Amino acid sequence: MTTANQRTKDRVIYLAGGCFWGLEKLMRSLPGVTQAMAGYANGSTKDPTYREVCSGSTGHREAVRVDYDPAQISLDAILFAFFRVIDPGLENAQGHDIGAQYQSGVYYADEEARQTVERIAAIERERAAEFKVEIKALACFYPAEEYHQQYLDKNPGGYCHISPEAIRRLSRMIVDPGRYPRPDREILRQQLSPLEFSVTQEAATEAPFDNPFWQHFEPGVYVDIAGGEPLFSSRDKYHCSCGWPGFTRPIDENTMIYLEDNTLSRRRVEVRSRAANSHLGHIFTDDPESPNGVRYCIDSAALRFIPYEEMEGAGYGYLKSYVK
């Protein structure tokens, strides 16, 4: 049994996201995660078996203990990856699985983790129509039977409600969101111009053809003006006649959040930043001007530009290879 009072040399978080086979494989794929263990969390019985947990009578959730090296990956990154593969609006279910053991949850084991968990959960609540994820302190955790550990490696064709592509995408993370936490809303109100605040925090749209980055092609990176998370490289910017900056792809696909937008009486896909949840613009996949057909149509007011020669001093030197 693992309790909230135990410590390891690494940090630890406990995640429940439906069947633990897929979540365990995803967590092990993230660089900086040193161990992922399938088990049962926060129930009322000691040393439960899989059969007992599946009966729904124990109160345990199928969960994964995630040990990670904070020098290599932040808790922010782990949590954002977790939220990308669950449906936060489901109660006692995930994917095709139904039952109390499949309830999603994040269980923290110390005060520092609690603060991070609650901060990230607040951001994810803003993006979700409904939010049913349990956010609680860890009460107990029991490792699952050995045959459940690294199950999908032992059974490559085994069931997994998390797609292999999602696992591959998240494992290729370039930008760690823990480096770019969102400032408090009132601080943003003071730091940003009225237009920048309106666009990023209230999903407004700036005027086309009259914004600083529409026809701007200097080498460098474009970052979220609210939190500083790097989003786009000048290398992927193209001449776009729509009147707003157009990009073919982000630096790291994991920094993009896509939400359905039914305003203006038509369906569009809104793009938001991962770490600060800033409204950035929209994505279109049928742009004949774009080299790959994809247009990230982004408001200049949502961006701050870092010239190539200033990237090192500004803390973005690790991305210089994505510019030149």
C-alpha atoms as a PDB file:
ATOM      1  CA  MET A   1       0.000   0.000   0.000  1.00  0.00           C
ATOM      2  CA  THR A   2       1.165   3.539  -0.807  1.00  0.00           C
ATOM      3  CA  THR A   3      -0.003   6.442   1.343  1.00  0.00           C
ATOM      4  CA  ALA A   4       0.305  10.203   1.087  1.00  0.00           C
ATOM      5  CA  ASN A   5       3.125  10.176   3.639  1.00  0.00           C
ATOM      6  CA  GLN A   6       5.560   8.105   1.578  1.00  0.00           C
ATOM      7  CA  ARG A   7       8.247   9.810  -0.480  1.00  0.00           C
ATOM      8  CA  THR A   8      10.636   8.804  -3.241  1.00  0.00           C
ATOM      9  CA  LYS A   9      13.603  10.644  -4.714  1.00  0.00           C
ATOM     10  CA  ASP A  10      11.330  11.566  -7.628  1.00  0.00           C
ATOM     11  CA  ARG A  11       7.993  13.328  -7.412  1.00  0.00           C
ATOM     12  CA  VAL A  12       4.763  11.371  -7.708  1.00  0.00           C
ATOM     13  CA  ILE A  13       1.174  11.888  -8.847  1.00  0.00           C
ATOM     14  CA  TYR A  14      -1.725   9.436  -9.116  1.00  0.00           C
ATOM     15  CA  LEU A  15      -4.035   9.522 -12.134  1.00  0.00           C
ATOM     16  CA  ALA A  16      -7.265   7.678 -12.895  1.00  0.00           C
ATOM     17  CA  GLY A  17      -8.424   7.855 -16.494  1.00  0.00           C
ATOM     18  CA  GLY A  18     -10.494   4.806 -17.316  1.00  0.00           C
ATOM     19  CA  CYS A  19      -8.813   1.470 -18.023  1.00  0.00           C
ATOM     20  CA  PHE A  20      -5.331   1.724 -16.550  1.00  0.00           C
ATOM     21  CA  TRP A  21      -3.626  -0.256 -19.324  1.00  0.00           C
ATOM     22  CA  GLY A  22      -3.581   2.629 -21.786  1.00  0.00           C
ATOM     23  CA  LEU A  23      -2.899   5.367 -19.248  1.00  0.00           C
ATOM     24  CA  GLU A  24       0.065   3.436 -17.855  1.00  0.00           C
ATOM     25  CA  LYS A  25       1.555   3.079 -21.347  1.00  0.00           C
ATOM     26  CA  LEU A  26       1.014   6.766 -22.096  1.00  0.00           C
ATOM     27  CA  MET A  27       2.684   7.874 -18.879  1.00  0.00           C
ATOM     28  CA  ARG A  28       5.698   5.627 -19.466  1.00  0.00           C
ATOM     29  CA  SER A  29       6.089   7.168 -22.918  1.00  0.00           C
ATOM     30  CA  LEU A  30       6.570  10.698 -21.557  1.00  0.00           C
ATOM     31  CA  PRO A  31      10.230  11.749 -21.297  1.00  0.00           C
ATOM     32  CA  GLY A  32      11.057  12.338 -17.644  1.00  0.00           C
ATOM     33  CA  VAL A  33       8.601   9.790 -16.248  1.00  0.00           C
ATOM     34  CA  THR A  34      10.750   7.268 -14.412  1.00  0.00           C
ATOM     35  CA  GLN A  35       8.062   4.757 -13.492  1.00  0.00           C
ATOM     36  CA  ALA A  36       4.360   4.136 -14.063  1.00  0.00           C
ATOM     37  CA  MET A  37       2.501   1.510 -12.055  1.00  0.00           C
ATOM     38  CA  ALA A  38      -1.078   0.331 -12.520  1.00  0.00           C
ATOM     39  CA  GLY A  39      -3.101   0.013  -9.334  1.00  0.00           C
ATOM     40  CA  TYR A  40      -6.184   0.844  -7.320  1.00  0.00           C
ATOM     41  CA  ALA A  41      -6.693   4.176  -5.565  1.00  0.00           C
ATOM     42  CA  ASN A  42      -8.825   5.762  -2.877  1.00  0.00           C
ATOM     43  CA  GLY A  43     -11.168   2.884  -2.135  1.00  0.00           C
ATOM     44  CA  SER A  44     -12.391   1.504   1.169  1.00  0.00           C
ATOM     45  CA  THR A  45     -10.837  -1.982   1.120  1.00  0.00           C
ATOM     46  CA  LYS A  46      -7.267  -3.135   1.675  1.00  0.00           C
ATOM     47  CA  ASP A  47      -5.293  -5.049  -0.968  1.00  0.00           C
ATOM     48  CA  PRO A  48      -8.200  -5.377  -3.399  1.00  0.00           C
ATOM     49  CA  THR A  49      -8.100  -7.779  -6.313  1.00  0.00           C
ATOM     50  CA  TYR A  50      -9.006  -6.837  -9.875  1.00  0.00           C
ATOM     51  CA  ARG A  51     -12.184  -8.900  -9.597  1.00  0.00           C
ATOM     52  CA  GLU A  52     -13.195  -7.092  -6.412  1.00  0.00           C
ATOM     53  CA  VAL A  53     -12.544  -3.661  -7.928  1.00  0.00           C
ATOM     54  CA  CYS A  54     -14.541  -4.580 -11.047  1.00  0.00           C
ATOM     55  CA  SER A  55     -17.508  -5.509  -8.851  1.00  0.00           C
ATOM     56  CA  GLY A  56     -17.907  -1.816  -8.051  1.00  0.00           C
ATOM     57  CA  SER A  57     -18.168  -2.491  -4.331  1.00  0.00           C
ATOM     58  CA  THR A  58     -14.734  -1.250  -3.201  1.00  0.00           C
ATOM     59  CA  GLY A  59     -14.828   2.418  -4.215  1.00  0.00           C
ATOM     60  CA  HIS A  60     -11.382   2.005  -5.794  1.00  0.00           C
ATOM     61  CA  ARG A  61     -10.486   3.658  -9.097  1.00  0.00           C
ATOM     62  CA  GLU A  62      -8.251   2.019 -11.664  1.00  0.00           C
ATOM     63  CA  ALA A  63      -5.299   4.380 -11.384  1.00  0.00           C
ATOM     64  CA  VAL A  64      -1.661   4.834 -12.315  1.00  0.00           C
ATOM     65  CA  ARG A  65       1.070   5.920  -9.959  1.00  0.00           C
ATOM     66  CA  VAL A  66       3.395   8.188 -11.947  1.00  0.00           C
ATOM     67  CA  ASP A  67       6.916   8.807 -10.665  1.00  0.00           C
ATOM     68  CA  TYR A  68       8.759  11.555 -12.511  1.00  0.00           C
ATOM     69  CA  ASP A  69      11.977  13.552 -12.434  1.00  0.00           C
ATOM     70  CA  PRO A  70      10.995  17.241 -12.100  1.00  0.00           C
ATOM     71  CA  ALA A  71      14.300  18.217 -13.705  1.00  0.00           C
ATOM     72  CA  GLN A  72      13.126  16.536 -16.916  1.00  0.00           C
ATOM     73  CA  ILE A  73       9.363  17.003 -16.933  1.00  0.00           C
ATOM     74  CA  SER A  74       6.961  19.180 -14.980  1.00  0.00           C
ATOM     75  CA  LEU A  75       3.777  18.104 -13.264  1.00  0.00           C
ATOM     76  CA  ASP A  76       2.036  20.617 -15.544  1.00  0.00           C
ATOM     77  CA  ALA A  77       3.159  18.609 -18.583  1.00  0.00           C
ATOM     78  CA  ILE A  78       1.970  15.320 -17.087  1.00  0.00           C
ATOM     79  CA  LEU A  79      -1.417  16.746 -16.159  1.00  0.00           C
ATOM     80  CA  PHE A  80      -2.016  18.427 -19.513  1.00  0.00           C
ATOM     81  CA  ALA A  81      -1.130  15.120 -21.224  1.00  0.00           C
ATOM     82  CA  PHE A  82      -3.612  13.325 -18.955  1.00  0.00           C
ATOM     83  CA  PHE A  83      -6.420  15.746 -19.782  1.00  0.00           C
ATOM     84  CA  ARG A  84      -5.784  15.325 -23.518  1.00  0.00           C
ATOM     85  CA  VAL A  85      -6.734  11.628 -23.376  1.00  0.00           C
ATOM     86  CA  ILE A  86      -9.807  11.710 -21.136  1.00  0.00           C
ATOM     87  CA  ASP A  87     -13.312  13.074 -21.455  1.00  0.00           C
ATOM     88  CA  PRO A  88     -13.619  15.272 -18.344  1.00  0.00           C
ATOM     89  CA  GLY A  89     -17.402  15.409 -18.650  1.00  0.00           C
ATOM     90  CA  LEU A  90     -17.972  11.690 -18.043  1.00  0.00           C
ATOM     91  CA  GLU A  91     -18.854  10.287 -14.629  1.00  0.00           C
ATOM     92  CA  ASN A  92     -17.956   6.676 -13.796  1.00  0.00           C
ATOM     93  CA  ALA A  93     -16.912   6.038 -17.386  1.00  0.00           C
ATOM     94  CA  GLN A  94     -14.178   6.550 -19.966  1.00  0.00           C
ATOM     95  CA  GLY A  95     -14.093   5.301 -23.535  1.00  0.00           C
ATOM     96  CA  HIS A  96     -16.198   2.151 -23.825  1.00  0.00           C
ATOM     97  CA  ASP A  97     -15.788   1.345 -20.121  1.00  0.00           C
ATOM     98  CA  ILE A  98     -18.567   1.998 -17.617  1.00  0.00           C
ATOM     99  CA  GLY A  99     -18.401   1.586 -13.850  1.00  0.00           C
ATOM    100  CA  ALA A 100     -17.225   3.368 -10.721  1.00  0.00           C
ATOM    101  CA  GLN A 101     -13.738   1.908 -11.135  1.00  0.00           C
ATOM    102  CA  TYR A 102     -13.392   3.933 -14.364  1.00  0.00           C
ATOM    103  CA  GLN A 103     -14.107   7.300 -12.748  1.00  0.00           C
ATOM    104  CA  SER A 104     -11.421   9.798 -13.752  1.00  0.00           C
ATOM    105  CA  GLY A 105      -9.434  11.541 -11.062  1.00  0.00           C
ATOM    106  CA  VAL A 106      -6.214  13.236 -10.032  1.00  0.00           C
ATOM    107  CA  TYR A 107      -4.943  12.380  -6.553  1.00  0.00           C
ATOM    108  CA  TYR A 108      -2.107  14.395  -5.049  1.00  0.00           C
ATOM    109  CA  ALA A 109       0.234  13.307  -2.259  1.00  0.00           C
ATOM    110  CA  ASP A 110       1.618  16.628  -0.999  1.00  0.00           C
ATOM    111  CA  GLU A 111       0.815  20.320  -0.783  1.00  0.00           C
ATOM    112  CA  GLU A 112       3.015  21.398  -3.689  1.00  0.00           C
ATOM    113  CA  ALA A 113       1.319  18.914  -5.977  1.00  0.00           C
ATOM    114  CA  ARG A 114      -2.106  20.011  -4.717  1.00  0.00           C
ATOM    115  CA  GLN A 115      -1.451  23.589  -5.762  1.00  0.00           C
ATOM    116  CA  THR A 116      -0.353  22.543  -9.239  1.00  0.00           C
ATOM    117  CA  VAL A 117      -3.235  20.096  -9.658  1.00  0.00           C
ATOM    118  CA  GLU A 118      -5.825  22.682  -8.671  1.00  0.00           C
ATOM    119  CA  ARG A 119      -4.248  25.309 -10.941  1.00  0.00           C
ATOM    120  CA  ILE A 120      -4.303  23.006 -13.980  1.00  0.00           C
ATOM    121  CA  ALA A 121      -7.788  21.712 -13.143  1.00  0.00           C
ATOM    122  CA  ALA A 122      -9.055  25.309 -13.090  1.00  0.00           C
ATOM    123  CA  ILE A 123      -7.726  25.813 -16.628  1.00  0.00           C
ATOM    124  CA  GLU A 124      -9.259  22.560 -17.838  1.00  0.00           C
ATOM    125  CA  ARG A 125     -12.621  23.499 -16.302  1.00  0.00           C
ATOM    126  CA  GLU A 126     -12.666  26.573 -18.512  1.00  0.00           C
ATOM    127  CA  ARG A 127     -12.360  24.375 -21.606  1.00  0.00           C
ATOM    128  CA  ALA A 128     -14.925  21.736 -20.631  1.00  0.00           C
ATOM    129  CA  ALA A 129     -18.695  21.910 -20.983  1.00  0.00           C
ATOM    130  CA  GLU A 130     -18.876  19.694 -17.897  1.00  0.00           C
ATOM    131  CA  PHE A 131     -16.138  18.711 -15.460  1.00  0.00           C
ATOM    132  CA  LYS A 132     -16.562  15.481 -13.489  1.00  0.00           C
ATOM    133  CA  VAL A 133     -12.910  14.694 -12.738  1.00  0.00           C
ATOM    134  CA  GLU A 134     -12.216  13.972  -9.073  1.00  0.00           C
ATOM    135  CA  ILE A 135      -9.565  16.264  -7.597  1.00  0.00           C
ATOM    136  CA  LYS A 136      -8.631  14.832  -4.216  1.00  0.00           C
ATOM    137  CA  ALA A 137      -5.802  14.005  -1.861  1.00  0.00           C
ATOM    138  CA  LEU A 138      -4.465  10.477  -2.132  1.00  0.00           C
ATOM    139  CA  ALA A 139      -5.937   8.251   0.574  1.00  0.00           C
ATOM    140  CA  CYS A 140      -4.391   4.950  -0.513  1.00  0.00           C
ATOM    141  CA  PHE A 141      -2.944   3.149  -3.498  1.00  0.00           C
ATOM    142  CA  TYR A 142      -2.440  -0.587  -3.986  1.00  0.00           C
ATOM    143  CA  PRO A 143      -0.416  -1.967  -6.917  1.00  0.00           C
ATOM    144  CA  ALA A 144      -2.452  -4.089  -9.313  1.00  0.00           C
ATOM    145  CA  GLU A 145      -1.583  -7.691 -10.071  1.00  0.00           C
ATOM    146  CA  GLU A 146       1.613  -8.279 -12.038  1.00  0.00           C
ATOM    147  CA  TYR A 147      -0.166  -9.224 -15.241  1.00  0.00           C
ATOM    148  CA  HIS A 148      -1.645  -5.692 -15.372  1.00  0.00           C
ATOM    149  CA  GLN A 149       1.789  -4.039 -15.269  1.00  0.00           C
ATOM    150  CA  GLN A 150       2.957  -2.912 -18.733  1.00  0.00           C
ATOM    151  CA  TYR A 151       0.002  -4.870 -20.068  1.00  0.00           C
ATOM    152  CA  LEU A 152       0.057  -3.398 -23.564  1.00  0.00           C
ATOM    153  CA  ASP A 153       3.731  -4.236 -23.986  1.00  0.00           C
ATOM    154  CA  LYS A 154       2.972  -7.832 -23.040  1.00  0.00           C
ATOM    155  CA  ASN A 155      -0.163  -7.828 -25.204  1.00  0.00           C
ATOM    156  CA  PRO A 156       0.469  -5.469 -28.174  1.00  0.00           C
ATOM    157  CA  GLY A 157      -3.005  -6.058 -29.580  1.00  0.00           C
ATOM    158  CA  GLY A 158      -4.706  -5.558 -26.237  1.00  0.00           C
ATOM    159  CA  TYR A 159      -7.591  -3.196 -25.601  1.00  0.00           C
ATOM    160  CA  CYS A 160      -6.753   0.476 -25.138  1.00  0.00           C
ATOM    161  CA  HIS A 161      -9.171   3.398 -25.140  1.00  0.00           C
ATOM    162  CA  ILE A 162      -6.263   5.800 -25.796  1.00  0.00           C
ATOM    163  CA  SER A 163      -5.246   5.847 -29.443  1.00  0.00           C
ATOM    164  CA  PRO A 164      -1.665   4.933 -30.394  1.00  0.00           C
ATOM    165  CA  GLU A 165      -1.437   8.253 -32.278  1.00  0.00           C
ATOM    166  CA  ALA A 166      -2.327  10.199 -29.114  1.00  0.00           C
ATOM    167  CA  ILE A 167       0.418   8.373 -27.235  1.00  0.00           C
ATOM    168  CA  ARG A 168       2.943   9.074 -30.005  1.00  0.00           C
ATOM    169  CA  ARG A 169       1.960  12.753 -30.197  1.00  0.00           C
ATOM    170  CA  LEU A 170       2.257  13.341 -26.471  1.00  0.00           C
ATOM    171  CA  SER A 171       5.549  11.453 -26.255  1.00  0.00           C
ATOM    172  CA  ARG A 172       7.008  13.859 -28.837  1.00  0.00           C
ATOM    173  CA  MET A 173       6.485  16.854 -26.554  1.00  0.00           C
ATOM    174  CA  ILE A 174       8.988  19.625 -27.301  1.00  0.00           C
ATOM    175  CA  VAL A 175       7.705  22.454 -25.093  1.00  0.00           C
ATOM    176  CA  ASP A 176       7.171  21.841 -21.375  1.00  0.00           C
ATOM    177  CA  PRO A 177       4.193  23.939 -20.226  1.00  0.00           C
ATOM    178  CA  GLY A 178       5.569  24.090 -16.689  1.00  0.00           C
ATOM    179  CA  ARG A 179       7.993  26.750 -17.900  1.00  0.00           C
ATOM    180  CA  TYR A 180       5.106  29.038 -18.882  1.00  0.00           C
ATOM    181  CA  PRO A 181       2.416  29.146 -16.166  1.00  0.00           C
ATOM    182  CA  ARG A 182      -0.545  31.444 -16.752  1.00  0.00           C
ATOM    183  CA  PRO A 183      -0.488  34.644 -14.690  1.00  0.00           C
ATOM    184  CA  ASP A 184      -3.500  35.599 -12.608  1.00  0.00           C
ATOM    185  CA  ARG A 185      -6.311  37.171 -14.640  1.00  0.00           C
ATOM    186  CA  GLU A 186      -6.002  40.530 -12.886  1.00  0.00           C
ATOM    187  CA  ILE A 187      -2.275  40.583 -13.569  1.00  0.00           C
ATOM    188  CA  LEU A 188      -3.035  39.917 -17.230  1.00  0.00           C
ATOM    189  CA  ARG A 189      -5.529  42.765 -17.232  1.00  0.00           C
ATOM    190  CA  GLN A 190      -2.729  45.077 -16.105  1.00  0.00           C
ATOM    191  CA  GLN A 191      -0.044  43.648 -18.388  1.00  0.00           C
ATOM    192  CA  LEU A 192      -2.014  43.388 -21.631  1.00  0.00           C
ATOM    193  CA  SER A 193      -3.489  46.121 -23.771  1.00  0.00           C
ATOM    194  CA  PRO A 194      -7.299  46.274 -23.917  1.00  0.00           C
ATOM    195  CA  LEU A 195      -7.228  44.599 -27.345  1.00  0.00           C
ATOM    196  CA  GLU A 196      -4.795  41.883 -26.244  1.00  0.00           C
ATOM    197  CA  PHE A 197      -6.901  41.130 -23.177  1.00  0.00           C
ATOM    198  CA  SER A 198     -10.126  41.111 -25.184  1.00  0.00           C
ATOM    199  CA  VAL A 199      -8.715  38.716 -27.776  1.00  0.00           C
ATOM    200  CA  THR A 200      -6.939  36.270 -25.470  1.00  0.00           C
ATOM    201  CA  GLN A 201      -9.317  36.289 -22.499  1.00  0.00           C
ATOM    202  CA  GLU A 202     -12.676  37.070 -24.115  1.00  0.00           C
ATOM    203  CA  ALA A 203     -12.240  35.437 -27.557  1.00  0.00           C
ATOM    204  CA  ALA A 204     -12.566  38.691 -29.487  1.00  0.00           C
ATOM    205  CA  THR A 205     -11.149  39.073 -32.995  1.00  0.00           C
ATOM    206  CA  GLU A 206      -8.891  41.916 -34.111  1.00  0.00           C
ATOM    207  CA  ALA A 207      -9.393  43.754 -37.389  1.00  0.00           C
ATOM    208  CA  PRO A 208      -7.897  42.068 -40.472  1.00  0.00           C
ATOM    209  CA  PHE A 209      -5.183  43.756 -42.542  1.00  0.00           C
ATOM    210  CA  ASP A 210      -4.412  46.140 -39.665  1.00  0.00           C
ATOM    211  CA  ASN A 211      -2.341  44.143 -37.191  1.00  0.00           C
ATOM    212  CA  PRO A 212       1.422  43.938 -36.659  1.00  0.00           C
ATOM    213  CA  PHE A 213       2.198  40.344 -37.686  1.00  0.00           C
ATOM    214  CA  TRP A 214       0.054  39.801 -40.775  1.00  0.00           C
ATOM    215  CA  GLN A 215       2.897  40.669 -43.151  1.00  0.00           C
ATOM    216  CA  HIS A 216       5.753  40.099 -40.730  1.00  0.00           C
ATOM    217  CA  PHE A 217       8.413  37.559 -41.774  1.00  0.00           C
ATOM    218  CA  GLU A 218      11.470  38.237 -39.612  1.00  0.00           C
ATOM    219  CA  PRO A 219      13.117  35.030 -38.289  1.00  0.00           C
ATOM    220  CA  GLY A 220      12.087  34.133 -34.748  1.00  0.00           C
ATOM    221  CA  VAL A 221       9.334  32.559 -32.688  1.00  0.00           C
ATOM    222  CA  TYR A 222       5.837  33.686 -31.819  1.00  0.00           C
ATOM    223  CA  VAL A 223       4.793  33.033 -28.216  1.00  0.00           C
ATOM    224  CA  ASP A 224       1.537  33.298 -26.296  1.00  0.00           C
ATOM    225  CA  ILE A 225       1.364  36.918 -25.143  1.00  0.00           C
ATOM    226  CA  ALA A 226      -0.344  35.872 -21.910  1.00  0.00           C
ATOM    227  CA  GLY A 227       1.993  33.177 -20.580  1.00  0.00           C
ATOM    228  CA  GLY A 228       4.958  33.074 -22.941  1.00  0.00           C
ATOM    229  CA  GLU A 229       4.456  29.510 -24.174  1.00  0.00           C
ATOM    230  CA  PRO A 230       6.160  29.211 -27.607  1.00  0.00           C
ATOM    231  CA  LEU A 231       3.617  28.472 -30.327  1.00  0.00           C
ATOM    232  CA  PHE A 232       4.832  29.129 -33.873  1.00  0.00           C
ATOM    233  CA  SER A 233       8.073  29.545 -35.797  1.00  0.00           C
ATOM    234  CA  SER A 234       8.637  32.085 -38.536  1.00  0.00           C
ATOM    235  CA  ARG A 235       9.735  29.111 -40.661  1.00  0.00           C
ATOM    236  CA  ASP A 236       6.118  27.923 -40.772  1.00  0.00           C
ATOM    237  CA  LYS A 237       4.573  31.314 -41.525  1.00  0.00           C
ATOM    238  CA  TYR A 238       3.371  32.003 -45.069  1.00  0.00           C
ATOM    239  CA  HIS A 239       1.955  34.853 -47.162  1.00  0.00           C
ATOM    240  CA  CYS A 240      -1.738  34.713 -46.327  1.00  0.00           C
ATOM    241  CA  SER A 241      -4.288  37.007 -47.967  1.00  0.00           C
ATOM    242  CA  CYS A 242      -6.915  36.690 -45.222  1.00  0.00           C
ATOM    243  CA  GLY A 243      -5.559  39.679 -43.282  1.00  0.00           C
ATOM    244  CA  TRP A 244      -4.306  37.775 -40.221  1.00  0.00           C
ATOM    245  CA  PRO A 245      -1.055  35.866 -39.616  1.00  0.00           C
ATOM    246  CA  GLY A 246      -1.148  32.405 -41.187  1.00  0.00           C
ATOM    247  CA  PHE A 247       0.928  29.411 -40.058  1.00  0.00           C
ATOM    248  CA  THR A 248       1.064  25.885 -41.457  1.00  0.00           C
ATOM    249  CA  ARG A 249       1.886  24.159 -38.173  1.00  0.00           C
ATOM    250  CA  PRO A 250       2.875  24.848 -34.556  1.00  0.00           C
ATOM    251  CA  ILE A 251       6.346  24.202 -33.188  1.00  0.00           C
ATOM    252  CA  ASP A 252       4.880  21.547 -30.881  1.00  0.00           C
ATOM    253  CA  GLU A 253       1.456  20.139 -31.738  1.00  0.00           C
ATOM    254  CA  ASN A 254       0.845  19.557 -28.027  1.00  0.00           C
ATOM    255  CA  THR A 255       0.665  23.303 -27.354  1.00  0.00           C
ATOM    256  CA  MET A 256      -2.575  23.563 -29.366  1.00  0.00           C
ATOM    257  CA  ILE A 257      -6.060  23.025 -27.894  1.00  0.00           C
ATOM    258  CA  TYR A 258      -8.939  22.659 -30.351  1.00  0.00           C
ATOM    259  CA  LEU A 259     -12.519  23.516 -29.422  1.00  0.00           C
ATOM    260  CA  GLU A 260     -15.695  23.511 -31.494  1.00  0.00           C
ATOM    261  CA  ASP A 261     -16.908  27.037 -32.244  1.00  0.00           C
ATOM    262  CA  ASN A 262     -20.475  27.467 -33.502  1.00  0.00           C
ATOM    263  CA  THR A 263     -20.595  31.260 -33.410  1.00  0.00           C
ATOM    264  CA  LEU A 264     -21.253  33.186 -36.629  1.00  0.00           C
ATOM    265  CA  SER A 265     -23.867  30.519 -37.505  1.00  0.00           C
ATOM    266  CA  ARG A 266     -21.260  28.093 -38.850  1.00  0.00           C
ATOM    267  CA  ARG A 267     -18.981  25.466 -37.423  1.00  0.00           C
ATOM    268  CA  ARG A 268     -15.358  26.446 -36.952  1.00  0.00           C
ATOM    269  CA  VAL A 269     -12.505  25.048 -34.883  1.00  0.00           C
ATOM    270  CA  GLU A 270     -11.140  27.460 -32.306  1.00  0.00           C
ATOM    271  CA  VAL A 271      -7.460  27.276 -31.358  1.00  0.00           C
ATOM    272  CA  ARG A 272      -6.370  27.965 -27.786  1.00  0.00           C
ATOM    273  CA  SER A 273      -2.992  27.775 -26.096  1.00  0.00           C
ATOM    274  CA  ARG A 274      -2.404  24.850 -23.762  1.00  0.00           C
ATOM    275  CA  ALA A 275      -0.777  26.487 -20.741  1.00  0.00           C
ATOM    276  CA  ALA A 276      -2.645  29.813 -20.547  1.00  0.00           C
ATOM    277  CA  ASN A 277      -5.850  28.852 -22.368  1.00  0.00           C
ATOM    278  CA  SER A 278      -5.562  31.996 -24.473  1.00  0.00           C
ATOM    279  CA  HIS A 279      -7.851  32.329 -27.464  1.00  0.00           C
ATOM    280  CA  LEU A 280      -5.499  32.423 -30.460  1.00  0.00           C
ATOM    281  CA  GLY A 281      -7.739  32.181 -33.513  1.00  0.00           C
ATOM    282  CA  HIS A 282      -9.021  29.320 -35.684  1.00  0.00           C
ATOM    283  CA  ILE A 283      -7.679  26.477 -37.810  1.00  0.00           C
ATOM    284  CA  PHE A 284      -8.784  25.708 -41.363  1.00  0.00           C
ATOM    285  CA  THR A 285      -7.762  22.678 -43.414  1.00  0.00           C
ATOM    286  CA  ASP A 286      -8.725  23.742 -46.934  1.00  0.00           C
ATOM    287  CA  ASP A 287      -6.586  26.814 -47.606  1.00  0.00           C
ATOM    288  CA  PRO A 288      -5.243  26.738 -51.198  1.00  0.00           C
ATOM    289  CA  GLU A 289      -2.587  29.318 -50.278  1.00  0.00           C
ATOM    290  CA  SER A 290      -1.074  27.189 -47.539  1.00  0.00           C
ATOM    291  CA  PRO A 291       1.821  24.877 -48.518  1.00  0.00           C
ATOM    292  CA  ASN A 292       0.114  21.988 -46.703  1.00  0.00           C
ATOM    293  CA  GLY A 293      -3.493  23.164 -46.970  1.00  0.00           C
ATOM    294  CA  VAL A 294      -3.610  23.999 -43.248  1.00  0.00           C
ATOM    295  CA  ARG A 295      -4.073  27.559 -42.025  1.00  0.00           C
ATOM    296  CA  TYR A 296      -3.685  28.477 -38.401  1.00  0.00           C
ATOM    297  CA  CYS A 297      -5.421  31.859 -38.639  1.00  0.00           C
ATOM    298  CA  ILE A 298      -4.060  33.633 -35.567  1.00  0.00           C
ATOM    299  CA  ASP A 299      -4.705  37.065 -34.072  1.00  0.00           C
ATOM    300  CA  SER A 300      -1.576  39.194 -33.827  1.00  0.00           C
ATOM    301  CA  ALA A 301      -2.917  40.461 -30.487  1.00  0.00           C
ATOM    302  CA  ALA A 302      -2.500  36.935 -29.062  1.00  0.00           C
ATOM    303  CA  LEU A 303       1.186  36.802 -29.952  1.00  0.00           C
ATOM    304  CA  ARG A 304       4.506  38.214 -28.838  1.00  0.00           C
ATOM    305  CA  PHE A 305       7.410  37.926 -31.266  1.00  0.00           C
ATOM    306  CA  ILE A 306      10.927  36.944 -30.157  1.00  0.00           C
ATOM    307  CA  PRO A 307      13.547  37.732 -32.858  1.00  0.00           C
ATOM    308  CA  TYR A 308      15.993  34.929 -33.611  1.00  0.00           C
ATOM    309  CA  GLU A 309      18.988  36.840 -32.252  1.00  0.00           C
ATOM    310  CA  GLU A 310      17.160  37.427 -28.941  1.00  0.00           C
ATOM    311  CA  MET A 311      15.871  33.892 -28.413  1.00  0.00           C
ATOM    312  CA  GLU A 312      18.812  32.728 -26.300  1.00  0.00           C
ATOM    313  CA  GLY A 313      18.597  35.634 -23.884  1.00  0.00           C
ATOM    314  CA  ALA A 314      14.816  35.366 -23.661  1.00  0.00           C
ATOM    315  CA  GLY A 315      14.956  31.678 -22.685  1.00  0.00           C
ATOM    316  CA  TYR A 316      13.907  30.246 -26.053  1.00  0.00           C
ATOM    317  CA  GLY A 317      17.353  29.213 -27.292  1.00  0.00           C
ATOM    318  CA  TYR A 318      16.386  25.546 -27.169  1.00  0.00           C
ATOM    319  CA  LEU A 319      14.034  26.227 -30.104  1.00  0.00           C
ATOM    320  CA  LYS A 320      16.514  27.910 -32.449  1.00  0.00           C
ATOM    321  CA  SER A 321      16.751  24.773 -34.624  1.00  0.00           C
ATOM    322  CA  TYR A 322      13.039  25.118 -35.355  1.00  0.00           C
ATOM    323  CA  VAL A 323      13.630  28.557 -36.851  1.00  0.00           C
ATOM    324  CA  LYS A 324      16.795  27.999 -38.920  1.00  0.00           C
END
